[in-house]
N, C-alpha and C. Protein backbone atom coordinates (compact mmCIF):
# COMPACT_ATOMS: atom_id res chain seq x y z
N MET A 1 -123.61 89.63 121.60
CA MET A 1 -122.29 90.17 121.96
C MET A 1 -121.20 89.57 121.09
N ASP A 2 -121.28 88.23 120.87
CA ASP A 2 -120.29 87.57 120.05
C ASP A 2 -120.32 88.10 118.63
N SER A 3 -121.52 88.44 118.14
CA SER A 3 -121.63 88.95 116.78
C SER A 3 -120.94 90.27 116.63
N VAL A 4 -120.97 91.13 117.67
CA VAL A 4 -120.27 92.41 117.63
C VAL A 4 -118.78 92.19 117.54
N SER A 5 -118.28 91.22 118.34
CA SER A 5 -116.85 90.93 118.33
C SER A 5 -116.42 90.40 116.97
N THR A 6 -117.24 89.50 116.40
CA THR A 6 -116.92 88.93 115.09
C THR A 6 -116.90 90.00 114.03
N THR A 7 -117.88 90.91 114.08
CA THR A 7 -117.93 92.00 113.11
C THR A 7 -116.73 92.89 113.23
N THR A 8 -116.32 93.19 114.48
CA THR A 8 -115.16 94.04 114.71
C THR A 8 -113.89 93.41 114.16
N ALA A 9 -113.69 92.13 114.44
CA ALA A 9 -112.49 91.43 113.98
C ALA A 9 -112.46 91.39 112.47
N SER A 10 -113.64 91.13 111.84
CA SER A 10 -113.71 91.07 110.39
C SER A 10 -113.39 92.41 109.78
N THR A 11 -113.96 93.48 110.41
CA THR A 11 -113.70 94.82 109.90
C THR A 11 -112.23 95.17 110.01
N THR A 12 -111.62 94.77 111.15
CA THR A 12 -110.20 95.06 111.36
C THR A 12 -109.34 94.38 110.32
N THR A 13 -109.60 93.06 110.09
CA THR A 13 -108.79 92.31 109.14
C THR A 13 -108.93 92.86 107.74
N SER A 14 -110.18 93.15 107.32
CA SER A 14 -110.42 93.68 105.98
C SER A 14 -109.75 95.02 105.78
N THR A 15 -109.91 95.90 106.80
CA THR A 15 -109.33 97.23 106.67
C THR A 15 -107.82 97.18 106.64
N SER A 16 -107.22 96.30 107.48
CA SER A 16 -105.78 96.19 107.53
C SER A 16 -105.22 95.71 106.21
N THR A 17 -105.89 94.67 105.61
CA THR A 17 -105.40 94.12 104.36
C THR A 17 -105.51 95.13 103.23
N THR A 18 -106.64 95.85 103.19
CA THR A 18 -106.85 96.80 102.11
C THR A 18 -105.93 98.00 102.25
N SER A 19 -105.75 98.49 103.46
CA SER A 19 -104.99 99.71 103.67
C SER A 19 -103.54 99.55 103.28
N THR A 20 -102.98 98.35 103.45
CA THR A 20 -101.57 98.16 103.11
C THR A 20 -101.31 98.25 101.63
N THR A 21 -102.38 98.12 100.81
CA THR A 21 -102.19 98.18 99.36
C THR A 21 -102.63 99.49 98.77
N GLN A 22 -103.10 100.41 99.59
CA GLN A 22 -103.58 101.70 99.08
C GLN A 22 -102.49 102.74 99.18
N SER A 23 -102.61 103.78 98.38
CA SER A 23 -101.67 104.89 98.39
C SER A 23 -102.02 105.87 99.47
N SER A 24 -101.21 106.93 99.58
CA SER A 24 -101.43 107.93 100.61
C SER A 24 -102.73 108.67 100.41
N ASP A 25 -103.32 108.59 99.21
CA ASP A 25 -104.60 109.25 98.97
C ASP A 25 -105.71 108.64 99.81
N ASP A 26 -105.48 107.41 100.30
CA ASP A 26 -106.50 106.74 101.10
C ASP A 26 -106.29 106.93 102.60
N SER A 27 -105.34 107.77 102.99
CA SER A 27 -105.05 107.94 104.40
C SER A 27 -106.25 108.51 105.16
N SER A 28 -107.03 109.38 104.52
CA SER A 28 -108.19 109.96 105.19
C SER A 28 -109.24 108.90 105.44
N ALA A 29 -109.39 107.96 104.45
CA ALA A 29 -110.35 106.87 104.62
C ALA A 29 -109.92 105.96 105.77
N LEU A 30 -108.62 105.72 105.86
CA LEU A 30 -108.12 104.88 106.94
C LEU A 30 -108.36 105.54 108.29
N SER A 31 -108.13 106.83 108.36
CA SER A 31 -108.36 107.55 109.61
C SER A 31 -109.81 107.44 110.04
N SER A 32 -110.73 107.53 109.06
CA SER A 32 -112.15 107.42 109.36
C SER A 32 -112.47 106.02 109.88
N ASP A 33 -111.91 104.99 109.25
CA ASP A 33 -112.12 103.62 109.71
C ASP A 33 -111.56 103.42 111.12
N PHE A 34 -110.43 104.07 111.38
CA PHE A 34 -109.81 103.94 112.70
C PHE A 34 -110.72 104.52 113.78
N GLN A 35 -111.30 105.68 113.49
CA GLN A 35 -112.22 106.30 114.45
C GLN A 35 -113.46 105.44 114.64
N THR A 36 -113.94 104.84 113.54
CA THR A 36 -115.10 103.95 113.63
C THR A 36 -114.79 102.75 114.51
N PHE A 37 -113.58 102.22 114.35
CA PHE A 37 -113.17 101.08 115.17
C PHE A 37 -113.16 101.45 116.65
N LEU A 38 -112.63 102.62 116.97
CA LEU A 38 -112.59 103.04 118.37
C LEU A 38 -114.00 103.21 118.93
N THR A 39 -114.90 103.74 118.09
CA THR A 39 -116.29 103.91 118.55
C THR A 39 -116.92 102.56 118.83
N MET A 40 -116.72 101.61 117.90
CA MET A 40 -117.27 100.27 118.10
C MET A 40 -116.66 99.60 119.32
N LEU A 41 -115.38 99.81 119.52
CA LEU A 41 -114.70 99.21 120.67
C LEU A 41 -115.26 99.76 121.97
N THR A 42 -115.52 101.07 122.01
CA THR A 42 -116.08 101.70 123.21
C THR A 42 -117.47 101.16 123.51
N VAL A 43 -118.30 101.06 122.46
CA VAL A 43 -119.65 100.53 122.64
C VAL A 43 -119.60 99.09 123.11
N GLN A 44 -118.67 98.34 122.56
CA GLN A 44 -118.55 96.94 122.96
C GLN A 44 -118.16 96.83 124.43
N LEU A 45 -117.27 97.68 124.88
CA LEU A 45 -116.85 97.67 126.29
C LEU A 45 -118.01 98.06 127.21
N GLN A 46 -118.79 99.02 126.74
CA GLN A 46 -119.90 99.49 127.56
C GLN A 46 -121.02 98.47 127.68
N ASN A 47 -121.16 97.61 126.65
CA ASN A 47 -122.30 96.69 126.63
C ASN A 47 -121.92 95.23 126.80
N GLN A 48 -120.68 94.96 127.16
CA GLN A 48 -120.31 93.57 127.33
C GLN A 48 -120.94 92.99 128.59
N ASP A 49 -121.10 91.69 128.61
CA ASP A 49 -121.69 90.97 129.73
C ASP A 49 -120.70 90.96 130.89
N PRO A 50 -121.04 91.60 132.00
CA PRO A 50 -120.09 91.64 133.13
C PRO A 50 -119.76 90.27 133.69
N LEU A 51 -120.68 89.28 133.45
CA LEU A 51 -120.41 87.92 133.93
C LEU A 51 -119.54 87.12 132.96
N ASN A 52 -119.40 87.66 131.73
CA ASN A 52 -118.58 86.97 130.73
C ASN A 52 -117.85 88.01 129.89
N PRO A 53 -116.95 88.78 130.50
CA PRO A 53 -116.27 89.88 129.77
C PRO A 53 -115.31 89.33 128.72
N MET A 54 -115.10 90.13 127.65
CA MET A 54 -114.14 89.77 126.62
C MET A 54 -112.72 89.93 127.14
N GLU A 55 -111.82 89.15 126.60
CA GLU A 55 -110.42 89.25 127.00
C GLU A 55 -109.84 90.61 126.57
N SER A 56 -109.18 91.29 127.48
CA SER A 56 -108.58 92.59 127.15
C SER A 56 -107.47 92.44 126.13
N GLN A 57 -106.85 91.27 126.08
CA GLN A 57 -105.76 91.05 125.14
C GLN A 57 -106.25 91.14 123.70
N GLU A 58 -107.48 90.67 123.46
CA GLU A 58 -108.04 90.73 122.12
C GLU A 58 -108.23 92.17 121.67
N PHE A 59 -108.70 93.03 122.58
CA PHE A 59 -108.87 94.43 122.26
C PHE A 59 -107.51 95.08 121.95
N ALA A 60 -106.51 94.71 122.75
CA ALA A 60 -105.18 95.30 122.58
C ALA A 60 -104.60 94.92 121.22
N VAL A 61 -104.80 93.67 120.80
CA VAL A 61 -104.30 93.22 119.50
C VAL A 61 -104.98 93.97 118.37
N GLN A 62 -106.30 94.12 118.46
CA GLN A 62 -107.04 94.83 117.42
C GLN A 62 -106.60 96.29 117.34
N LEU A 63 -106.43 96.91 118.50
CA LEU A 63 -106.02 98.31 118.52
C LEU A 63 -104.60 98.47 117.96
N ALA A 64 -103.72 97.55 118.32
CA ALA A 64 -102.34 97.62 117.83
C ALA A 64 -102.28 97.43 116.31
N THR A 65 -103.15 96.55 115.79
CA THR A 65 -103.18 96.33 114.34
C THR A 65 -103.56 97.60 113.60
N PHE A 66 -104.61 98.26 114.05
CA PHE A 66 -105.03 99.49 113.41
C PHE A 66 -103.97 100.58 113.55
N SER A 67 -103.35 100.65 114.70
CA SER A 67 -102.33 101.66 114.93
C SER A 67 -101.13 101.45 114.01
N GLY A 68 -100.76 100.16 113.82
CA GLY A 68 -99.64 99.85 112.95
C GLY A 68 -99.90 100.24 111.51
N VAL A 69 -101.13 99.98 111.05
CA VAL A 69 -101.49 100.36 109.68
C VAL A 69 -101.46 101.87 109.51
N GLU A 70 -101.98 102.58 110.50
CA GLU A 70 -101.99 104.04 110.42
C GLU A 70 -100.57 104.59 110.36
N GLN A 71 -99.66 104.02 111.13
CA GLN A 71 -98.27 104.45 111.10
C GLN A 71 -97.61 104.14 109.76
N GLN A 72 -97.99 103.00 109.15
CA GLN A 72 -97.43 102.64 107.86
C GLN A 72 -97.84 103.63 106.79
N VAL A 73 -99.11 104.06 106.83
CA VAL A 73 -99.58 105.04 105.86
C VAL A 73 -98.82 106.35 106.02
N LYS A 74 -98.60 106.77 107.25
CA LYS A 74 -97.85 108.01 107.49
C LYS A 74 -96.41 107.87 106.97
N SER A 75 -95.82 106.68 107.17
CA SER A 75 -94.46 106.46 106.68
C SER A 75 -94.41 106.53 105.15
N ASN A 76 -95.43 105.97 104.49
CA ASN A 76 -95.49 106.04 103.03
C ASN A 76 -95.59 107.48 102.55
N GLU A 77 -96.38 108.29 103.26
CA GLU A 77 -96.50 109.70 102.89
C GLU A 77 -95.16 110.41 103.01
N LEU A 78 -94.43 110.12 104.08
CA LEU A 78 -93.12 110.74 104.28
C LEU A 78 -92.14 110.32 103.18
N LEU A 79 -92.18 109.04 102.79
CA LEU A 79 -91.29 108.56 101.74
C LEU A 79 -91.63 109.22 100.40
N GLU A 80 -92.93 109.38 100.11
CA GLU A 80 -93.33 110.02 98.86
C GLU A 80 -92.86 111.47 98.83
N ASN A 81 -92.99 112.16 99.96
CA ASN A 81 -92.53 113.54 100.03
C ASN A 81 -91.02 113.63 99.84
N LEU A 82 -90.30 112.64 100.43
CA LEU A 82 -88.85 112.62 100.29
C LEU A 82 -88.45 112.40 98.84
N ASN A 83 -89.14 111.47 98.15
CA ASN A 83 -88.83 111.21 96.74
C ASN A 83 -89.09 112.44 95.88
N GLU A 84 -90.18 113.16 96.18
CA GLU A 84 -90.48 114.37 95.42
C GLU A 84 -89.39 115.41 95.62
N ASN A 85 -88.94 115.54 96.87
CA ASN A 85 -87.87 116.52 97.14
C ASN A 85 -86.57 116.15 96.45
N LEU A 86 -86.25 114.84 96.46
CA LEU A 86 -85.02 114.39 95.80
C LEU A 86 -85.12 114.60 94.29
N GLY A 87 -86.33 114.37 93.73
CA GLY A 87 -86.52 114.60 92.31
C GLY A 87 -86.28 116.05 91.94
N GLY A 88 -86.77 116.97 92.78
CA GLY A 88 -86.55 118.38 92.53
C GLY A 88 -85.09 118.75 92.60
N ALA A 89 -84.37 118.13 93.55
CA ALA A 89 -82.94 118.40 93.68
C ALA A 89 -82.20 117.90 92.45
N GLY A 90 -82.66 116.73 91.90
CA GLY A 90 -82.02 116.19 90.71
C GLY A 90 -82.19 117.10 89.52
N LEU A 91 -83.38 117.67 89.38
CA LEU A 91 -83.62 118.59 88.27
C LEU A 91 -82.71 119.80 88.37
N ALA A 92 -82.54 120.31 89.59
CA ALA A 92 -81.67 121.47 89.78
C ALA A 92 -80.23 121.13 89.43
N GLN A 93 -79.82 119.90 89.76
CA GLN A 93 -78.45 119.47 89.49
C GLN A 93 -78.18 119.34 88.00
N TYR A 94 -79.15 118.78 87.27
CA TYR A 94 -78.96 118.53 85.85
C TYR A 94 -79.44 119.68 84.97
N GLY A 95 -80.07 120.68 85.57
CA GLY A 95 -80.58 121.79 84.78
C GLY A 95 -79.49 122.50 84.00
N GLY A 96 -78.27 122.50 84.51
CA GLY A 96 -77.16 123.15 83.83
C GLY A 96 -76.75 122.46 82.54
N TRP A 97 -77.28 121.25 82.30
CA TRP A 97 -76.95 120.53 81.08
C TRP A 97 -77.68 121.10 79.86
N VAL A 98 -78.81 121.77 80.11
CA VAL A 98 -79.58 122.30 78.99
C VAL A 98 -78.72 123.30 78.20
N GLY A 99 -78.67 123.13 76.89
CA GLY A 99 -77.84 123.98 76.05
C GLY A 99 -76.48 123.38 75.75
N MET A 100 -76.08 122.36 76.54
CA MET A 100 -74.82 121.68 76.28
C MET A 100 -75.05 120.52 75.32
N GLU A 101 -73.97 119.89 74.89
CA GLU A 101 -74.06 118.71 74.04
C GLU A 101 -73.70 117.49 74.87
N GLY A 102 -74.59 116.50 74.85
CA GLY A 102 -74.36 115.27 75.57
C GLY A 102 -74.12 114.13 74.61
N ARG A 103 -73.26 113.20 75.01
CA ARG A 103 -72.98 112.04 74.15
C ARG A 103 -73.78 110.84 74.62
N ALA A 104 -74.58 110.31 73.72
CA ALA A 104 -75.42 109.16 74.05
C ALA A 104 -75.80 108.44 72.77
N ALA A 105 -76.44 107.28 72.91
CA ALA A 105 -76.87 106.50 71.75
C ALA A 105 -78.20 107.06 71.24
N VAL A 106 -78.13 108.22 70.59
CA VAL A 106 -79.30 108.90 70.04
C VAL A 106 -79.02 109.32 68.61
N ALA A 107 -80.03 109.86 67.95
CA ALA A 107 -79.86 110.33 66.58
C ALA A 107 -79.08 111.64 66.57
N ALA A 108 -78.37 111.89 65.47
CA ALA A 108 -77.60 113.13 65.31
C ALA A 108 -78.13 113.86 64.08
N TYR A 109 -78.11 115.18 64.13
CA TYR A 109 -78.59 115.97 63.00
C TYR A 109 -77.42 116.31 62.07
N PHE A 110 -77.58 115.93 60.82
CA PHE A 110 -76.56 116.21 59.82
C PHE A 110 -76.94 117.47 59.04
N ASP A 111 -76.05 118.47 59.06
CA ASP A 111 -76.31 119.72 58.36
C ASP A 111 -75.22 120.02 57.32
N GLY A 112 -74.47 118.99 56.98
CA GLY A 112 -73.37 119.16 56.04
C GLY A 112 -72.01 119.00 56.69
N SER A 113 -71.98 119.14 58.02
CA SER A 113 -70.73 118.97 58.76
C SER A 113 -70.55 117.51 59.16
N PRO A 114 -69.33 116.98 59.13
CA PRO A 114 -69.08 115.58 59.51
C PRO A 114 -69.56 115.31 60.93
N ILE A 115 -69.99 114.07 61.16
CA ILE A 115 -70.47 113.64 62.48
C ILE A 115 -69.53 112.57 63.02
N SER A 116 -69.09 112.76 64.25
CA SER A 116 -68.22 111.79 64.90
C SER A 116 -69.07 110.82 65.72
N VAL A 117 -68.83 109.54 65.51
CA VAL A 117 -69.61 108.49 66.17
C VAL A 117 -68.67 107.60 66.99
N VAL A 118 -69.04 107.34 68.24
CA VAL A 118 -68.27 106.42 69.08
C VAL A 118 -68.96 105.06 69.00
N PRO A 119 -68.33 104.08 68.34
CA PRO A 119 -68.98 102.78 68.13
C PRO A 119 -68.88 101.87 69.36
N GLU A 120 -69.90 101.02 69.51
CA GLU A 120 -69.85 99.97 70.53
C GLU A 120 -69.72 98.64 69.81
N ILE A 121 -68.54 98.04 69.94
CA ILE A 121 -68.22 96.84 69.17
C ILE A 121 -68.13 95.64 70.11
N ASP A 122 -68.71 94.54 69.68
CA ASP A 122 -68.70 93.30 70.46
C ASP A 122 -67.25 92.85 70.67
N SER A 123 -66.94 92.45 71.90
CA SER A 123 -65.57 92.03 72.22
C SER A 123 -65.15 90.78 71.46
N ALA A 124 -66.12 90.01 70.96
CA ALA A 124 -65.79 88.78 70.23
C ALA A 124 -65.67 89.03 68.73
N ALA A 125 -65.85 90.26 68.30
CA ALA A 125 -65.86 90.56 66.87
C ALA A 125 -64.44 90.61 66.29
N ASP A 126 -64.33 90.20 65.02
CA ASP A 126 -63.07 90.36 64.30
C ASP A 126 -63.22 91.35 63.14
N SER A 127 -64.45 91.85 62.96
CA SER A 127 -64.71 92.90 61.97
C SER A 127 -66.02 93.59 62.33
N ALA A 128 -66.21 94.78 61.78
CA ALA A 128 -67.42 95.53 62.09
C ALA A 128 -67.76 96.48 60.95
N GLN A 129 -69.03 96.83 60.87
CA GLN A 129 -69.51 97.78 59.88
C GLN A 129 -70.40 98.82 60.54
N MET A 130 -70.33 100.03 60.01
CA MET A 130 -71.20 101.11 60.45
C MET A 130 -72.36 101.23 59.46
N VAL A 131 -73.58 101.23 59.98
CA VAL A 131 -74.77 101.37 59.15
C VAL A 131 -75.45 102.68 59.51
N VAL A 132 -75.64 103.55 58.52
CA VAL A 132 -76.28 104.85 58.74
C VAL A 132 -77.73 104.75 58.27
N ARG A 133 -78.66 105.15 59.13
CA ARG A 133 -80.08 105.09 58.79
C ARG A 133 -80.71 106.47 58.93
N ASP A 134 -81.68 106.75 58.06
CA ASP A 134 -82.34 108.06 58.11
C ASP A 134 -83.52 108.04 59.07
N GLU A 135 -84.33 109.11 59.06
CA GLU A 135 -85.44 109.24 59.99
C GLU A 135 -86.50 108.16 59.79
N ASN A 136 -86.56 107.59 58.59
CA ASN A 136 -87.52 106.52 58.29
C ASN A 136 -86.91 105.13 58.44
N ASN A 137 -85.74 105.09 59.08
CA ASN A 137 -85.02 103.84 59.36
C ASN A 137 -84.53 103.15 58.08
N ARG A 138 -84.40 103.93 57.01
CA ARG A 138 -83.87 103.38 55.77
C ARG A 138 -82.35 103.47 55.77
N GLU A 139 -81.70 102.41 55.34
CA GLU A 139 -80.24 102.39 55.27
C GLU A 139 -79.78 103.27 54.11
N ILE A 140 -78.94 104.25 54.42
CA ILE A 140 -78.44 105.13 53.36
C ILE A 140 -76.93 104.98 53.14
N SER A 141 -76.28 104.31 54.08
CA SER A 141 -74.83 104.12 53.93
C SER A 141 -74.36 102.96 54.81
N ARG A 142 -73.32 102.27 54.33
CA ARG A 142 -72.72 101.16 55.09
C ARG A 142 -71.25 101.10 54.72
N PHE A 143 -70.39 100.99 55.74
CA PHE A 143 -68.95 100.92 55.46
C PHE A 143 -68.23 100.21 56.60
N ASP A 144 -67.08 99.64 56.28
CA ASP A 144 -66.28 98.92 57.28
C ASP A 144 -65.62 99.91 58.23
N ILE A 145 -65.49 99.50 59.49
CA ILE A 145 -64.80 100.31 60.49
C ILE A 145 -63.84 99.41 61.27
N SER A 146 -62.90 100.04 61.94
CA SER A 146 -61.94 99.31 62.77
C SER A 146 -62.64 98.80 64.03
N ILE A 147 -62.11 97.72 64.59
CA ILE A 147 -62.70 97.17 65.81
C ILE A 147 -61.99 97.68 67.06
N ASP A 148 -61.16 98.73 66.91
CA ASP A 148 -60.45 99.26 68.08
C ASP A 148 -61.31 100.18 68.93
N GLY A 149 -62.52 100.49 68.49
CA GLY A 149 -63.42 101.32 69.28
C GLY A 149 -63.18 102.81 69.17
N GLU A 150 -62.26 103.22 68.32
CA GLU A 150 -61.98 104.64 68.16
C GLU A 150 -63.14 105.32 67.42
N PRO A 151 -63.36 106.63 67.69
CA PRO A 151 -64.44 107.35 67.02
C PRO A 151 -64.35 107.25 65.50
N VAL A 152 -65.51 107.16 64.87
CA VAL A 152 -65.61 107.07 63.42
C VAL A 152 -66.29 108.34 62.91
N VAL A 153 -65.73 108.93 61.87
CA VAL A 153 -66.30 110.16 61.32
C VAL A 153 -67.06 109.84 60.04
N TRP A 154 -68.35 110.24 60.02
CA TRP A 154 -69.16 110.10 58.82
C TRP A 154 -69.26 111.48 58.18
N ASP A 155 -68.83 111.58 56.93
CA ASP A 155 -68.82 112.88 56.25
C ASP A 155 -70.11 113.18 55.50
N GLY A 156 -71.08 112.29 55.61
CA GLY A 156 -72.37 112.52 54.95
C GLY A 156 -72.52 111.81 53.63
N THR A 157 -71.51 111.06 53.22
CA THR A 157 -71.59 110.36 51.94
C THR A 157 -72.53 109.15 52.04
N ASN A 158 -73.44 109.04 51.08
CA ASN A 158 -74.37 107.91 51.07
C ASN A 158 -73.89 106.83 50.10
N THR A 159 -74.70 105.76 49.95
CA THR A 159 -74.28 104.64 49.11
C THR A 159 -74.16 105.02 47.65
N ALA A 160 -74.83 106.09 47.25
CA ALA A 160 -74.75 106.54 45.86
C ALA A 160 -73.50 107.38 45.61
N GLY A 161 -72.76 107.67 46.68
CA GLY A 161 -71.56 108.47 46.54
C GLY A 161 -71.81 109.96 46.58
N THR A 162 -73.05 110.34 46.85
CA THR A 162 -73.39 111.76 46.96
C THR A 162 -73.58 112.13 48.44
N THR A 163 -73.80 113.39 48.70
CA THR A 163 -73.98 113.86 50.08
C THR A 163 -75.44 113.70 50.50
N ALA A 164 -75.66 113.13 51.68
CA ALA A 164 -77.01 112.91 52.19
C ALA A 164 -77.70 114.24 52.47
N ASP A 165 -79.02 114.21 52.44
CA ASP A 165 -79.79 115.41 52.75
C ASP A 165 -79.66 115.75 54.24
N ALA A 166 -79.91 116.99 54.56
CA ALA A 166 -79.90 117.40 55.96
C ALA A 166 -81.03 116.68 56.70
N GLY A 167 -80.76 116.27 57.92
CA GLY A 167 -81.77 115.57 58.70
C GLY A 167 -81.14 114.77 59.82
N SER A 168 -81.98 114.03 60.54
CA SER A 168 -81.51 113.22 61.66
C SER A 168 -81.14 111.82 61.19
N TYR A 169 -80.00 111.33 61.70
CA TYR A 169 -79.52 110.01 61.31
C TYR A 169 -79.07 109.24 62.55
N THR A 170 -79.27 107.94 62.49
CA THR A 170 -78.77 107.06 63.56
C THR A 170 -77.67 106.19 62.99
N PHE A 171 -76.78 105.74 63.89
CA PHE A 171 -75.60 104.98 63.48
C PHE A 171 -75.55 103.67 64.26
N VAL A 172 -75.74 102.59 63.52
CA VAL A 172 -75.77 101.25 64.13
C VAL A 172 -74.50 100.51 63.75
N VAL A 173 -73.84 99.96 64.76
CA VAL A 173 -72.62 99.20 64.52
C VAL A 173 -72.95 97.71 64.54
N GLU A 174 -72.66 97.03 63.42
CA GLU A 174 -72.85 95.59 63.33
C GLU A 174 -71.51 94.89 63.54
N SER A 175 -71.49 93.97 64.49
CA SER A 175 -70.26 93.23 64.80
C SER A 175 -70.32 91.84 64.16
N TYR A 176 -69.16 91.41 63.63
CA TYR A 176 -69.07 90.11 62.95
C TYR A 176 -67.90 89.30 63.50
N ALA A 177 -68.09 87.98 63.48
CA ALA A 177 -67.00 87.04 63.83
C ALA A 177 -67.00 85.93 62.79
N ASP A 178 -65.89 85.75 62.11
CA ASP A 178 -65.80 84.78 61.01
C ASP A 178 -66.90 85.02 59.98
N ASP A 179 -67.11 86.29 59.67
CA ASP A 179 -68.11 86.73 58.68
C ASP A 179 -69.55 86.49 59.11
N ALA A 180 -69.75 86.07 60.35
CA ALA A 180 -71.12 85.86 60.85
C ALA A 180 -71.53 87.04 61.74
N HIS A 181 -72.73 87.54 61.51
CA HIS A 181 -73.24 88.65 62.31
C HIS A 181 -73.52 88.16 63.73
N ILE A 182 -72.91 88.79 64.74
CA ILE A 182 -73.09 88.32 66.12
C ILE A 182 -73.86 89.31 67.00
N SER A 183 -73.81 90.59 66.66
CA SER A 183 -74.56 91.57 67.48
C SER A 183 -74.55 92.91 66.78
N GLU A 184 -75.38 93.81 67.30
CA GLU A 184 -75.36 95.18 66.81
C GLU A 184 -75.77 96.13 67.96
N ALA A 185 -75.27 97.34 67.88
CA ALA A 185 -75.56 98.33 68.92
C ALA A 185 -75.47 99.72 68.31
N GLN A 186 -76.29 100.62 68.81
CA GLN A 186 -76.29 101.98 68.29
C GLN A 186 -75.08 102.74 68.81
N GLY A 187 -74.42 103.45 67.91
CA GLY A 187 -73.26 104.24 68.29
C GLY A 187 -73.66 105.52 69.02
N GLU A 188 -72.73 106.06 69.78
CA GLU A 188 -72.99 107.29 70.52
C GLU A 188 -72.52 108.52 69.74
N VAL A 189 -73.32 109.56 69.81
CA VAL A 189 -72.98 110.83 69.15
C VAL A 189 -73.25 111.97 70.11
N PHE A 190 -72.68 113.13 69.82
CA PHE A 190 -72.98 114.32 70.59
C PHE A 190 -74.21 115.01 69.99
N ALA A 191 -75.15 115.37 70.84
CA ALA A 191 -76.36 116.08 70.41
C ALA A 191 -76.73 117.11 71.46
N GLU A 192 -77.40 118.17 71.02
CA GLU A 192 -77.75 119.25 71.94
C GLU A 192 -78.86 118.81 72.90
N ILE A 193 -78.67 119.15 74.17
CA ILE A 193 -79.67 118.86 75.20
C ILE A 193 -80.63 120.04 75.30
N THR A 194 -81.92 119.77 75.13
CA THR A 194 -82.91 120.85 75.14
C THR A 194 -83.80 120.84 76.37
N GLU A 195 -83.84 119.73 77.09
CA GLU A 195 -84.76 119.63 78.23
C GLU A 195 -84.28 118.57 79.21
N VAL A 196 -84.54 118.81 80.48
CA VAL A 196 -84.28 117.82 81.53
C VAL A 196 -85.56 117.71 82.35
N ARG A 197 -86.03 116.50 82.53
CA ARG A 197 -87.26 116.33 83.31
C ARG A 197 -87.13 115.12 84.23
N SER A 198 -88.03 115.06 85.20
CA SER A 198 -88.04 113.96 86.16
C SER A 198 -89.33 113.17 85.99
N ASP A 199 -89.22 111.84 85.91
CA ASP A 199 -90.41 110.99 85.88
C ASP A 199 -90.19 109.78 86.78
N SER A 200 -91.06 108.81 86.67
CA SER A 200 -91.00 107.66 87.57
C SER A 200 -89.71 106.85 87.42
N ASP A 201 -89.04 106.98 86.27
CA ASP A 201 -87.80 106.24 86.03
C ASP A 201 -86.55 107.03 86.41
N GLY A 202 -86.75 108.28 86.88
CA GLY A 202 -85.60 109.11 87.27
C GLY A 202 -85.47 110.33 86.37
N ILE A 203 -84.24 110.80 86.21
CA ILE A 203 -83.97 111.99 85.41
C ILE A 203 -83.85 111.60 83.93
N VAL A 204 -84.63 112.28 83.09
CA VAL A 204 -84.65 112.01 81.65
C VAL A 204 -84.07 113.21 80.90
N ILE A 205 -83.15 112.94 79.99
CA ILE A 205 -82.53 113.97 79.17
C ILE A 205 -83.15 113.95 77.78
N VAL A 206 -83.61 115.11 77.32
CA VAL A 206 -84.24 115.21 76.00
C VAL A 206 -83.31 115.97 75.06
N PHE A 207 -83.10 115.42 73.85
CA PHE A 207 -82.19 116.01 72.88
C PHE A 207 -82.96 116.77 71.80
N SER A 208 -82.23 117.57 71.05
CA SER A 208 -82.84 118.44 70.05
C SER A 208 -83.62 117.66 68.99
N GLY A 209 -83.20 116.45 68.70
CA GLY A 209 -83.91 115.64 67.71
C GLY A 209 -85.14 114.96 68.25
N GLY A 210 -85.40 115.11 69.56
CA GLY A 210 -86.56 114.48 70.18
C GLY A 210 -86.24 113.19 70.90
N ASP A 211 -85.04 112.64 70.68
CA ASP A 211 -84.65 111.42 71.38
C ASP A 211 -84.47 111.69 72.87
N GLU A 212 -84.66 110.65 73.67
CA GLU A 212 -84.51 110.76 75.11
C GLU A 212 -83.55 109.70 75.63
N ALA A 213 -82.91 110.00 76.75
CA ALA A 213 -82.00 109.05 77.38
C ALA A 213 -81.97 109.32 78.88
N SER A 214 -81.69 108.29 79.64
CA SER A 214 -81.54 108.47 81.08
C SER A 214 -80.26 109.26 81.35
N ALA A 215 -80.28 110.03 82.43
CA ALA A 215 -79.09 110.82 82.77
C ALA A 215 -77.88 109.92 82.96
N SER A 216 -78.09 108.72 83.45
CA SER A 216 -76.98 107.79 83.67
C SER A 216 -76.39 107.26 82.36
N ASP A 217 -77.13 107.43 81.25
CA ASP A 217 -76.65 106.94 79.95
C ASP A 217 -75.84 108.00 79.19
N ILE A 218 -75.71 109.19 79.76
CA ILE A 218 -74.91 110.23 79.13
C ILE A 218 -73.45 109.98 79.49
N SER A 219 -72.64 109.68 78.47
CA SER A 219 -71.24 109.31 78.74
C SER A 219 -70.28 110.48 78.70
N ALA A 220 -70.71 111.62 78.15
CA ALA A 220 -69.82 112.79 78.09
C ALA A 220 -70.64 114.06 77.85
N LEU A 221 -70.06 115.18 78.24
CA LEU A 221 -70.68 116.49 78.02
C LEU A 221 -69.64 117.44 77.44
N ARG A 222 -70.11 118.38 76.64
CA ARG A 222 -69.21 119.39 76.12
C ARG A 222 -70.02 120.64 75.77
N GLN A 223 -69.33 121.74 75.71
CA GLN A 223 -69.95 122.97 75.26
C GLN A 223 -70.14 122.93 73.75
N PRO A 224 -71.24 123.45 73.24
CA PRO A 224 -71.46 123.42 71.79
C PRO A 224 -70.40 124.22 71.05
N GLU A 225 -70.04 123.73 69.90
CA GLU A 225 -69.04 124.41 69.09
C GLU A 225 -69.63 125.68 68.50
N VAL A 226 -68.87 126.74 68.55
CA VAL A 226 -69.33 128.04 68.02
C VAL A 226 -69.05 128.12 66.53
């Protein structure tokens, strides 16, 4: 009789510990274990020694433990469903951004028209430079900019003094203090939004050049210029 009780307690503890770390996909397995526990509990009650019965409190604790785990799994399922629904609502909210231009720290496509860049300059800087890099991360242009944070326009001129080829370019702002490099950050540009999707990190915005950014990192929106 004692061996049955020991087996039941061991099964309960093992199942409880394992179930708390499993996903909702294991809810059916938990339900099966719960039914098995009830069957074992019934058999134990039917075959216990009437002269030395088990404490009813022990049964109540074991039953409450299994019940609590089962309720936790159901709560997890409800939370997952809620997150899925919220994700769908987010996509519907941001879906209107597709086709618009969003401003973020991503690459911009140069087609011969000047590109406006919003620089991020270190507050401790006393000078700054804009570095233009191509798709292969090669530096094609570098020039001084003001530290007032106002937008900087790149007309496509490279270090050779000629016009850069059409393509995607990134703009990195290097901040200096007393001629010493202290930090750098990618400047923000407007780029066309082609896709909005939801993943484990939230709402992701995809741009025409293939770059991605979180929806919270989009600092401005505008209609594309005709």
